[in-house]
Amino acid sequence: MIPQITTAIYPYLHEMWRYRWSALLIAWVVAVVGVIAVYSLPNQYKAKAAVHMDTSTVMRPLLAGLSVETNPEAELTVMTRVLLNRETLLTVIRETDMDLQAGSEAEKEQLLADLSRSITLKYDPPSKARKSISIFEIIYEAESAQQAYRVVSTLLSILIENTLSSGRIDTIMAEEFLDEQIAEY
């Protein structure tokens, strides 16, 4: 059995040995071209923050049947608009020192447009397993790891500030509403 396998493989081994220098030259050329191609690619860094939001508020059970229910998807759509509006993006540009790169107003507008295109916001609605927990992701790609981190961190801070301020306002309004209802009864 072994002599039959050797006899079947021998012609292939002989041809490979005969063209060994050609194969070595081709392997070197492919390796050099591959190394040049890899080193010519620009660096791309991606920063991503996942925020777990509880869309059911503490006041929802208290206000059941007394007030209009809010839609969590609508709230997150509003948050997306708030995060990608011009003022927020200008704040991100200022806080991450990206405005130092822009000399003229036209360069600043281009920087604003590029930032808006580079930010990706994803929303994963609540599922049966997560009940009322939504996952909101902020993703940004840049040529610098520090810049990508700073942009996502700034956007996350803005999101948290807006959520806390909205929560305070909602709590105050709910409290006033309950006080009015108690006064009526």
N, C-alpha and C. Protein backbone atom coordinates (compact mmCIF):
# COMPACT_ATOMS: atom_id res chain seq x y z
N MET A 1 0.82 -1.19 0.00
CA MET A 1 0.00 0.00 0.00
C MET A 1 0.87 1.26 0.00
N ILE A 2 1.89 1.28 0.85
CA ILE A 2 2.77 2.45 0.93
C ILE A 2 3.51 2.67 -0.39
N PRO A 3 4.01 1.64 -1.06
CA PRO A 3 4.68 1.89 -2.33
C PRO A 3 3.73 2.49 -3.38
N GLN A 4 2.45 2.13 -3.32
CA GLN A 4 1.50 2.69 -4.29
C GLN A 4 1.30 4.19 -4.04
N ILE A 5 1.21 4.58 -2.76
CA ILE A 5 1.04 6.00 -2.43
C ILE A 5 2.28 6.77 -2.85
N THR A 6 3.46 6.21 -2.57
CA THR A 6 4.71 6.86 -2.93
C THR A 6 4.79 7.01 -4.45
N THR A 7 4.40 6.00 -5.16
CA THR A 7 4.44 6.05 -6.62
C THR A 7 3.47 7.10 -7.15
N ALA A 8 2.31 7.27 -6.48
CA ALA A 8 1.33 8.26 -6.93
C ALA A 8 1.77 9.69 -6.60
N ILE A 9 2.46 9.87 -5.49
CA ILE A 9 2.86 11.21 -5.06
C ILE A 9 4.18 11.65 -5.72
N TYR A 10 5.02 10.72 -6.08
CA TYR A 10 6.36 11.03 -6.59
C TYR A 10 6.34 12.02 -7.77
N PRO A 11 5.49 11.89 -8.77
CA PRO A 11 5.52 12.86 -9.88
C PRO A 11 5.21 14.29 -9.40
N TYR A 12 4.30 14.41 -8.44
CA TYR A 12 3.98 15.75 -7.93
C TYR A 12 5.17 16.34 -7.17
N LEU A 13 5.81 15.53 -6.35
CA LEU A 13 6.98 15.99 -5.61
C LEU A 13 8.11 16.39 -6.56
N HIS A 14 8.29 15.63 -7.60
CA HIS A 14 9.34 15.91 -8.58
C HIS A 14 9.09 17.25 -9.27
N GLU A 15 7.83 17.51 -9.67
CA GLU A 15 7.50 18.78 -10.33
C GLU A 15 7.63 19.96 -9.37
N MET A 16 7.24 19.74 -8.13
CA MET A 16 7.39 20.81 -7.15
C MET A 16 8.87 21.14 -6.94
N TRP A 17 9.70 20.14 -6.86
CA TRP A 17 11.14 20.35 -6.68
C TRP A 17 11.73 21.05 -7.89
N ARG A 18 11.25 20.71 -9.05
CA ARG A 18 11.76 21.27 -10.30
C ARG A 18 11.46 22.78 -10.38
N TYR A 19 10.28 23.21 -9.86
CA TYR A 19 9.90 24.62 -9.93
C TYR A 19 10.01 25.33 -8.57
N ARG A 20 10.87 24.84 -7.71
CA ARG A 20 10.98 25.39 -6.37
C ARG A 20 11.42 26.85 -6.36
N TRP A 21 12.32 27.24 -7.23
CA TRP A 21 12.80 28.61 -7.25
C TRP A 21 11.71 29.57 -7.77
N SER A 22 10.95 29.13 -8.72
CA SER A 22 9.83 29.95 -9.22
C SER A 22 8.79 30.13 -8.11
N ALA A 23 8.47 29.06 -7.41
CA ALA A 23 7.49 29.12 -6.32
C ALA A 23 7.99 30.04 -5.20
N LEU A 24 9.28 29.96 -4.88
CA LEU A 24 9.86 30.81 -3.84
C LEU A 24 9.80 32.28 -4.25
N LEU A 25 10.12 32.57 -5.52
CA LEU A 25 10.07 33.95 -6.01
C LEU A 25 8.63 34.48 -5.96
N ILE A 26 7.67 33.69 -6.38
CA ILE A 26 6.26 34.11 -6.35
C ILE A 26 5.81 34.35 -4.91
N ALA A 27 6.21 33.49 -3.98
CA ALA A 27 5.84 33.66 -2.58
C ALA A 27 6.41 34.96 -2.02
N TRP A 28 7.66 35.28 -2.36
CA TRP A 28 8.27 36.52 -1.89
C TRP A 28 7.57 37.75 -2.47
N VAL A 29 7.24 37.70 -3.75
CA VAL A 29 6.57 38.84 -4.38
C VAL A 29 5.20 39.07 -3.73
N VAL A 30 4.44 38.00 -3.52
CA VAL A 30 3.13 38.12 -2.88
C VAL A 30 3.28 38.66 -1.46
N ALA A 31 4.28 38.20 -0.72
CA ALA A 31 4.49 38.67 0.65
C ALA A 31 4.85 40.15 0.68
N VAL A 32 5.74 40.58 -0.21
CA VAL A 32 6.15 41.99 -0.23
C VAL A 32 4.96 42.88 -0.62
N VAL A 33 4.20 42.48 -1.63
CA VAL A 33 3.02 43.26 -2.04
C VAL A 33 2.01 43.30 -0.89
N GLY A 34 1.82 42.21 -0.19
CA GLY A 34 0.89 42.17 0.93
C GLY A 34 1.32 43.09 2.06
N VAL A 35 2.60 43.10 2.39
CA VAL A 35 3.10 43.96 3.46
C VAL A 35 2.93 45.43 3.07
N ILE A 36 3.23 45.78 1.83
CA ILE A 36 3.07 47.16 1.38
C ILE A 36 1.60 47.57 1.43
N ALA A 37 0.71 46.68 1.01
CA ALA A 37 -0.72 46.99 1.02
C ALA A 37 -1.22 47.21 2.45
N VAL A 38 -0.78 46.38 3.39
CA VAL A 38 -1.22 46.51 4.78
C VAL A 38 -0.70 47.81 5.39
N TYR A 39 0.55 48.15 5.15
CA TYR A 39 1.10 49.37 5.72
C TYR A 39 0.55 50.64 5.08
N SER A 40 0.01 50.54 3.88
CA SER A 40 -0.54 51.73 3.23
C SER A 40 -1.97 52.02 3.68
N LEU A 41 -2.62 51.08 4.37
CA LEU A 41 -3.98 51.32 4.86
C LEU A 41 -3.95 52.33 6.01
N PRO A 42 -4.90 53.27 6.03
CA PRO A 42 -4.92 54.22 7.15
C PRO A 42 -5.41 53.55 8.43
N ASN A 43 -4.97 54.07 9.55
CA ASN A 43 -5.42 53.56 10.84
C ASN A 43 -6.88 53.96 11.05
N GLN A 44 -7.68 53.03 11.52
CA GLN A 44 -9.08 53.30 11.85
C GLN A 44 -9.36 52.76 13.24
N TYR A 45 -9.85 53.63 14.10
CA TYR A 45 -10.19 53.24 15.45
C TYR A 45 -11.69 53.45 15.66
N LYS A 46 -12.30 52.56 16.38
CA LYS A 46 -13.73 52.64 16.63
C LYS A 46 -13.97 52.63 18.14
N ALA A 47 -14.72 53.61 18.59
CA ALA A 47 -15.13 53.66 19.99
C ALA A 47 -16.64 53.43 20.03
N LYS A 48 -17.07 52.66 21.01
CA LYS A 48 -18.48 52.30 21.10
C LYS A 48 -18.91 52.31 22.56
N ALA A 49 -20.06 52.91 22.81
CA ALA A 49 -20.62 52.91 24.16
C ALA A 49 -22.04 52.35 24.07
N ALA A 50 -22.34 51.41 24.91
CA ALA A 50 -23.68 50.83 24.97
C ALA A 50 -24.34 51.29 26.26
N VAL A 51 -25.51 51.91 26.11
CA VAL A 51 -26.23 52.44 27.26
C VAL A 51 -27.49 51.60 27.43
N HIS A 52 -27.68 51.08 28.63
CA HIS A 52 -28.88 50.32 28.94
C HIS A 52 -29.87 51.28 29.59
N MET A 53 -30.98 51.51 28.91
CA MET A 53 -31.96 52.47 29.41
C MET A 53 -33.21 51.74 29.86
N ASP A 54 -33.64 52.06 31.05
CA ASP A 54 -34.90 51.52 31.54
C ASP A 54 -36.01 52.47 31.12
N THR A 55 -36.82 52.02 30.18
CA THR A 55 -37.84 52.89 29.62
C THR A 55 -39.08 52.98 30.48
N SER A 56 -39.17 52.16 31.51
CA SER A 56 -40.31 52.29 32.42
C SER A 56 -39.87 53.16 33.59
N THR A 57 -40.59 54.22 33.83
CA THR A 57 -40.22 55.12 34.92
C THR A 57 -40.88 54.69 36.21
N VAL A 58 -40.41 55.24 37.27
CA VAL A 58 -40.97 54.94 38.58
C VAL A 58 -42.39 55.47 38.68
N MET A 59 -42.65 56.57 38.01
CA MET A 59 -43.96 57.22 38.11
C MET A 59 -45.03 56.55 37.24
N ARG A 60 -44.63 55.73 36.28
CA ARG A 60 -45.61 55.14 35.36
C ARG A 60 -46.73 54.39 36.09
N PRO A 61 -46.42 53.54 37.10
CA PRO A 61 -47.54 52.86 37.79
C PRO A 61 -48.45 53.84 38.54
N LEU A 62 -47.86 54.92 39.07
CA LEU A 62 -48.67 55.89 39.81
C LEU A 62 -49.61 56.66 38.89
N LEU A 63 -49.14 56.90 37.66
CA LEU A 63 -49.91 57.73 36.73
C LEU A 63 -50.77 56.89 35.78
N ALA A 64 -50.86 55.60 36.02
CA ALA A 64 -51.64 54.73 35.13
C ALA A 64 -53.09 55.20 35.09
N GLY A 65 -53.58 55.46 33.90
CA GLY A 65 -54.96 55.90 33.71
C GLY A 65 -55.17 57.38 33.97
N LEU A 66 -54.19 58.07 34.52
CA LEU A 66 -54.36 59.49 34.81
C LEU A 66 -53.71 60.38 33.76
N SER A 67 -52.69 59.89 33.09
CA SER A 67 -51.98 60.72 32.11
C SER A 67 -51.70 59.90 30.86
N VAL A 68 -51.21 60.59 29.86
CA VAL A 68 -50.93 59.96 28.58
C VAL A 68 -49.62 59.19 28.68
N GLU A 69 -49.62 57.94 28.20
CA GLU A 69 -48.41 57.12 28.19
C GLU A 69 -47.46 57.62 27.11
N THR A 70 -46.18 57.61 27.42
CA THR A 70 -45.19 58.01 26.42
C THR A 70 -44.63 56.76 25.75
N ASN A 71 -44.27 56.91 24.50
CA ASN A 71 -43.73 55.81 23.72
C ASN A 71 -42.20 55.83 23.84
N PRO A 72 -41.57 54.75 24.34
CA PRO A 72 -40.11 54.74 24.50
C PRO A 72 -39.37 54.94 23.17
N GLU A 73 -39.90 54.39 22.07
CA GLU A 73 -39.24 54.57 20.79
C GLU A 73 -39.25 56.04 20.39
N ALA A 74 -40.35 56.73 20.67
CA ALA A 74 -40.43 58.16 20.35
C ALA A 74 -39.43 58.95 21.20
N GLU A 75 -39.30 58.56 22.47
CA GLU A 75 -38.33 59.23 23.33
C GLU A 75 -36.91 59.04 22.82
N LEU A 76 -36.61 57.82 22.36
CA LEU A 76 -35.26 57.56 21.86
C LEU A 76 -35.03 58.23 20.52
N THR A 77 -36.07 58.39 19.72
CA THR A 77 -35.93 59.13 18.46
C THR A 77 -35.60 60.58 18.76
N VAL A 78 -36.26 61.13 19.76
CA VAL A 78 -35.98 62.50 20.17
C VAL A 78 -34.54 62.60 20.67
N MET A 79 -34.10 61.62 21.46
CA MET A 79 -32.72 61.64 21.95
C MET A 79 -31.73 61.58 20.80
N THR A 80 -32.04 60.78 19.79
CA THR A 80 -31.17 60.69 18.63
C THR A 80 -31.08 62.04 17.94
N ARG A 81 -32.20 62.69 17.79
CA ARG A 81 -32.19 64.02 17.17
C ARG A 81 -31.42 65.02 18.02
N VAL A 82 -31.56 64.91 19.33
CA VAL A 82 -30.83 65.82 20.21
C VAL A 82 -29.33 65.57 20.11
N LEU A 83 -28.93 64.31 20.05
CA LEU A 83 -27.49 64.00 19.98
C LEU A 83 -26.87 64.39 18.65
N LEU A 84 -27.64 64.39 17.58
CA LEU A 84 -27.07 64.70 16.27
C LEU A 84 -27.45 66.09 15.77
N ASN A 85 -28.00 66.94 16.65
CA ASN A 85 -28.33 68.29 16.19
C ASN A 85 -27.06 69.15 16.14
N ARG A 86 -27.17 70.27 15.50
CA ARG A 86 -26.02 71.14 15.24
C ARG A 86 -25.37 71.62 16.55
N GLU A 87 -26.17 72.03 17.51
CA GLU A 87 -25.61 72.56 18.76
C GLU A 87 -24.82 71.49 19.53
N THR A 88 -25.36 70.30 19.57
CA THR A 88 -24.67 69.21 20.27
C THR A 88 -23.36 68.87 19.57
N LEU A 89 -23.39 68.79 18.24
CA LEU A 89 -22.17 68.48 17.50
C LEU A 89 -21.14 69.59 17.65
N LEU A 90 -21.58 70.85 17.70
CA LEU A 90 -20.64 71.96 17.94
C LEU A 90 -20.03 71.85 19.34
N THR A 91 -20.83 71.42 20.31
CA THR A 91 -20.31 71.21 21.67
C THR A 91 -19.26 70.10 21.67
N VAL A 92 -19.54 69.01 20.94
CA VAL A 92 -18.58 67.90 20.85
C VAL A 92 -17.29 68.39 20.21
N ILE A 93 -17.40 69.17 19.15
CA ILE A 93 -16.21 69.68 18.45
C ILE A 93 -15.40 70.57 19.39
N ARG A 94 -16.07 71.43 20.16
CA ARG A 94 -15.37 72.30 21.10
C ARG A 94 -14.70 71.51 22.22
N GLU A 95 -15.43 70.57 22.82
CA GLU A 95 -14.91 69.85 23.98
C GLU A 95 -13.82 68.84 23.62
N THR A 96 -13.77 68.39 22.37
CA THR A 96 -12.73 67.44 21.97
C THR A 96 -11.58 68.13 21.24
N ASP A 97 -11.60 69.45 21.22
CA ASP A 97 -10.55 70.27 20.59
C ASP A 97 -10.41 70.02 19.09
N MET A 98 -11.47 69.54 18.47
CA MET A 98 -11.44 69.36 17.02
C MET A 98 -11.53 70.70 16.31
N ASP A 99 -12.04 71.73 17.01
CA ASP A 99 -12.16 73.05 16.39
C ASP A 99 -10.81 73.70 16.15
N LEU A 100 -9.76 73.20 16.80
CA LEU A 100 -8.43 73.74 16.57
C LEU A 100 -7.91 73.38 15.18
N GLN A 101 -8.47 72.32 14.58
CA GLN A 101 -8.06 71.90 13.24
C GLN A 101 -8.68 72.79 12.17
N ALA A 102 -9.80 73.42 12.48
CA ALA A 102 -10.51 74.23 11.49
C ALA A 102 -10.10 75.68 11.62
N GLY A 103 -9.58 76.23 10.52
CA GLY A 103 -9.16 77.63 10.52
C GLY A 103 -10.28 78.56 10.10
N SER A 104 -11.00 78.19 9.07
CA SER A 104 -12.06 79.05 8.54
C SER A 104 -13.43 78.48 8.90
N GLU A 105 -14.45 79.27 8.59
CA GLU A 105 -15.82 78.84 8.86
C GLU A 105 -16.21 77.68 7.95
N ALA A 106 -15.70 77.68 6.71
CA ALA A 106 -16.00 76.59 5.76
C ALA A 106 -15.40 75.28 6.25
N GLU A 107 -14.19 75.32 6.81
CA GLU A 107 -13.55 74.12 7.36
C GLU A 107 -14.33 73.61 8.57
N LYS A 108 -14.87 74.55 9.35
CA LYS A 108 -15.66 74.16 10.52
C LYS A 108 -16.95 73.47 10.09
N GLU A 109 -17.57 73.98 9.04
CA GLU A 109 -18.79 73.35 8.52
C GLU A 109 -18.48 71.96 7.97
N GLN A 110 -17.34 71.81 7.29
CA GLN A 110 -16.94 70.50 6.77
C GLN A 110 -16.67 69.54 7.92
N LEU A 111 -16.01 70.02 8.96
CA LEU A 111 -15.75 69.21 10.15
C LEU A 111 -17.06 68.77 10.80
N LEU A 112 -18.02 69.65 10.85
CA LEU A 112 -19.34 69.36 11.40
C LEU A 112 -20.04 68.27 10.58
N ALA A 113 -19.98 68.39 9.25
CA ALA A 113 -20.61 67.39 8.37
C ALA A 113 -19.91 66.04 8.50
N ASP A 114 -18.58 66.05 8.56
CA ASP A 114 -17.83 64.79 8.71
C ASP A 114 -18.15 64.11 10.04
N LEU A 115 -18.24 64.90 11.10
CA LEU A 115 -18.56 64.35 12.42
C LEU A 115 -19.96 63.73 12.40
N SER A 116 -20.89 64.42 11.80
CA SER A 116 -22.26 63.91 11.73
C SER A 116 -22.34 62.59 10.97
N ARG A 117 -21.56 62.46 9.90
CA ARG A 117 -21.55 61.21 9.13
C ARG A 117 -20.83 60.08 9.85
N SER A 118 -19.85 60.42 10.68
CA SER A 118 -19.04 59.40 11.34
C SER A 118 -19.70 58.80 12.58
N ILE A 119 -20.69 59.47 13.12
CA ILE A 119 -21.37 58.99 14.32
C ILE A 119 -22.51 58.07 13.91
N THR A 120 -22.56 56.90 14.52
CA THR A 120 -23.64 55.95 14.27
C THR A 120 -24.37 55.72 15.59
N LEU A 121 -25.69 55.83 15.54
CA LEU A 121 -26.51 55.57 16.72
C LEU A 121 -27.40 54.38 16.42
N LYS A 122 -27.39 53.39 17.31
CA LYS A 122 -28.21 52.19 17.14
C LYS A 122 -29.12 52.04 18.35
N TYR A 123 -30.29 51.53 18.08
CA TYR A 123 -31.28 51.33 19.14
C TYR A 123 -31.80 49.91 19.06
N ASP A 124 -31.73 49.21 20.18
CA ASP A 124 -32.26 47.85 20.28
C ASP A 124 -33.42 47.91 21.27
N PRO A 125 -34.66 47.77 20.77
CA PRO A 125 -35.82 47.93 21.66
C PRO A 125 -35.90 46.81 22.70
N PRO A 126 -36.72 47.01 23.72
CA PRO A 126 -36.86 45.98 24.76
C PRO A 126 -37.37 44.67 24.17
N SER A 127 -36.90 43.58 24.73
CA SER A 127 -37.37 42.25 24.31
C SER A 127 -38.03 41.59 25.51
N LYS A 128 -38.53 40.38 25.31
CA LYS A 128 -39.18 39.67 26.42
C LYS A 128 -38.18 39.39 27.54
N ALA A 129 -36.94 39.08 27.17
CA ALA A 129 -35.93 38.76 28.17
C ALA A 129 -35.51 40.00 28.96
N ARG A 130 -35.49 41.17 28.28
CA ARG A 130 -35.04 42.39 28.94
C ARG A 130 -36.18 43.26 29.42
N LYS A 131 -37.40 42.84 29.27
CA LYS A 131 -38.60 43.56 29.71
C LYS A 131 -38.58 45.01 29.20
N SER A 132 -38.26 45.97 30.05
CA SER A 132 -38.34 47.38 29.65
C SER A 132 -36.96 48.00 29.42
N ILE A 133 -35.94 47.18 29.29
CA ILE A 133 -34.59 47.70 29.10
C ILE A 133 -34.29 47.81 27.61
N SER A 134 -33.96 49.01 27.17
CA SER A 134 -33.55 49.26 25.80
C SER A 134 -32.03 49.44 25.78
N ILE A 135 -31.42 49.06 24.67
CA ILE A 135 -29.98 49.26 24.52
C ILE A 135 -29.78 50.31 23.44
N PHE A 136 -29.05 51.34 23.78
CA PHE A 136 -28.78 52.45 22.88
C PHE A 136 -27.26 52.51 22.71
N GLU A 137 -26.77 52.42 21.46
CA GLU A 137 -25.32 52.40 21.20
C GLU A 137 -24.89 53.66 20.48
N ILE A 138 -23.75 54.20 20.90
CA ILE A 138 -23.11 55.33 20.23
C ILE A 138 -21.79 54.81 19.69
N ILE A 139 -21.59 54.93 18.37
CA ILE A 139 -20.39 54.40 17.72
C ILE A 139 -19.75 55.53 16.91
N TYR A 140 -18.42 55.65 17.02
CA TYR A 140 -17.70 56.66 16.26
C TYR A 140 -16.38 56.08 15.78
N GLU A 141 -16.05 56.34 14.52
CA GLU A 141 -14.79 55.89 13.94
C GLU A 141 -13.92 57.10 13.64
N ALA A 142 -12.61 56.98 13.94
CA ALA A 142 -11.68 58.08 13.69
C ALA A 142 -10.29 57.50 13.40
N GLU A 143 -9.38 58.38 12.99
CA GLU A 143 -8.01 57.96 12.71
C GLU A 143 -7.16 57.94 13.98
N SER A 144 -7.69 58.47 15.06
CA SER A 144 -6.98 58.51 16.33
C SER A 144 -7.82 57.82 17.40
N ALA A 145 -7.20 56.96 18.18
CA ALA A 145 -7.92 56.25 19.23
C ALA A 145 -8.41 57.23 20.30
N GLN A 146 -7.58 58.21 20.64
CA GLN A 146 -7.96 59.18 21.67
C GLN A 146 -9.14 60.03 21.19
N GLN A 147 -9.13 60.42 19.92
CA GLN A 147 -10.22 61.23 19.39
C GLN A 147 -11.53 60.44 19.39
N ALA A 148 -11.48 59.19 18.97
CA ALA A 148 -12.68 58.35 18.95
C ALA A 148 -13.24 58.22 20.37
N TYR A 149 -12.36 57.98 21.32
CA TYR A 149 -12.80 57.85 22.72
C TYR A 149 -13.42 59.14 23.24
N ARG A 150 -12.76 60.28 22.97
CA ARG A 150 -13.25 61.56 23.48
C ARG A 150 -14.62 61.92 22.89
N VAL A 151 -14.80 61.65 21.59
CA VAL A 151 -16.09 61.98 20.96
C VAL A 151 -17.20 61.14 21.59
N VAL A 152 -16.98 59.83 21.73
CA VAL A 152 -18.02 58.98 22.30
C VAL A 152 -18.26 59.33 23.77
N SER A 153 -17.21 59.62 24.48
CA SER A 153 -17.35 59.99 25.89
C SER A 153 -18.14 61.29 26.03
N THR A 154 -17.87 62.26 25.18
CA THR A 154 -18.59 63.53 25.23
C THR A 154 -20.06 63.33 24.88
N LEU A 155 -20.33 62.54 23.83
CA LEU A 155 -21.72 62.27 23.46
C LEU A 155 -22.46 61.54 24.59
N LEU A 156 -21.77 60.61 25.23
CA LEU A 156 -22.37 59.88 26.35
C LEU A 156 -22.69 60.83 27.51
N SER A 157 -21.78 61.74 27.81
CA SER A 157 -22.02 62.72 28.87
C SER A 157 -23.22 63.60 28.54
N ILE A 158 -23.32 64.02 27.27
CA ILE A 158 -24.45 64.85 26.86
C ILE A 158 -25.75 64.06 26.98
N LEU A 159 -25.73 62.79 26.58
CA LEU A 159 -26.91 61.95 26.68
C LEU A 159 -27.35 61.80 28.13
N ILE A 160 -26.40 61.56 29.02
CA ILE A 160 -26.72 61.40 30.44
C ILE A 160 -27.28 62.70 31.01
N GLU A 161 -26.65 63.83 30.67
CA GLU A 161 -27.14 65.12 31.17
C GLU A 161 -28.56 65.40 30.69
N ASN A 162 -28.82 65.12 29.41
CA ASN A 162 -30.17 65.35 28.88
C ASN A 162 -31.18 64.42 29.54
N THR A 163 -30.80 63.18 29.78
CA THR A 163 -31.70 62.22 30.40
C THR A 163 -32.00 62.61 31.84
N LEU A 164 -30.97 63.02 32.58
CA LEU A 164 -31.17 63.44 33.97
C LEU A 164 -32.04 64.69 34.05
N SER A 165 -31.76 65.64 33.17
CA SER A 165 -32.55 66.88 33.20
C SER A 165 -34.00 66.60 32.80
N SER A 166 -34.19 65.72 31.82
CA SER A 166 -35.54 65.33 31.41
C SER A 166 -36.24 64.58 32.53
N GLY A 167 -35.52 63.70 33.21
CA GLY A 167 -36.09 62.96 34.34
C GLY A 167 -36.52 63.87 35.47
N ARG A 168 -35.71 64.88 35.76
CA ARG A 168 -36.07 65.84 36.81
C ARG A 168 -37.33 66.61 36.44
N ILE A 169 -37.38 67.06 35.20
CA ILE A 169 -38.55 67.81 34.74
C ILE A 169 -39.79 66.93 34.79
N ASP A 170 -39.66 65.67 34.33
CA ASP A 170 -40.79 64.75 34.37
C ASP A 170 -41.25 64.51 35.80
N THR A 171 -40.32 64.37 36.71
CA THR A 171 -40.67 64.13 38.12
C THR A 171 -41.39 65.34 38.70
N ILE A 172 -40.90 66.53 38.40
CA ILE A 172 -41.54 67.75 38.90
C ILE A 172 -42.95 67.88 38.35
N MET A 173 -43.10 67.61 37.04
CA MET A 173 -44.42 67.70 36.42
C MET A 173 -45.37 66.65 36.98
N ALA A 174 -44.87 65.43 37.20
CA ALA A 174 -45.71 64.37 37.77
C ALA A 174 -46.12 64.73 39.19
N GLU A 175 -45.19 65.30 39.94
CA GLU A 175 -45.49 65.70 41.31
C GLU A 175 -46.56 66.78 41.34
N GLU A 176 -46.44 67.77 40.45
CA GLU A 176 -47.45 68.83 40.37
C GLU A 176 -48.80 68.25 39.98
N PHE A 177 -48.80 67.32 39.03
CA PHE A 177 -50.03 66.70 38.58
C PHE A 177 -50.70 65.94 39.72
N LEU A 178 -49.90 65.17 40.46
CA LEU A 178 -50.45 64.42 41.60
C LEU A 178 -50.98 65.37 42.67
N ASP A 179 -50.27 66.46 42.92
CA ASP A 179 -50.75 67.44 43.90
C ASP A 179 -52.09 68.02 43.47
N GLU A 180 -52.22 68.33 42.18
CA GLU A 180 -53.50 68.84 41.66
C GLU A 180 -54.61 67.81 41.82
N GLN A 181 -54.31 66.56 41.55
CA GLN A 181 -55.32 65.50 41.66
C GLN A 181 -55.75 65.30 43.10
N ILE A 182 -54.76 65.37 44.01
CA ILE A 182 -55.07 65.23 45.44
C ILE A 182 -55.92 66.39 45.90
N ALA A 183 -55.61 67.58 45.43
CA ALA A 183 -56.38 68.79 45.81
C ALA A 183 -57.82 68.66 45.31
N GLU A 184 -58.00 68.12 44.11
CA GLU A 184 -59.35 67.95 43.56
C GLU A 184 -60.16 66.95 44.38
N TYR A 185 -59.53 65.85 44.79
CA TYR A 185 -60.27 64.83 45.55
C TYR A 185 -60.48 65.26 46.97
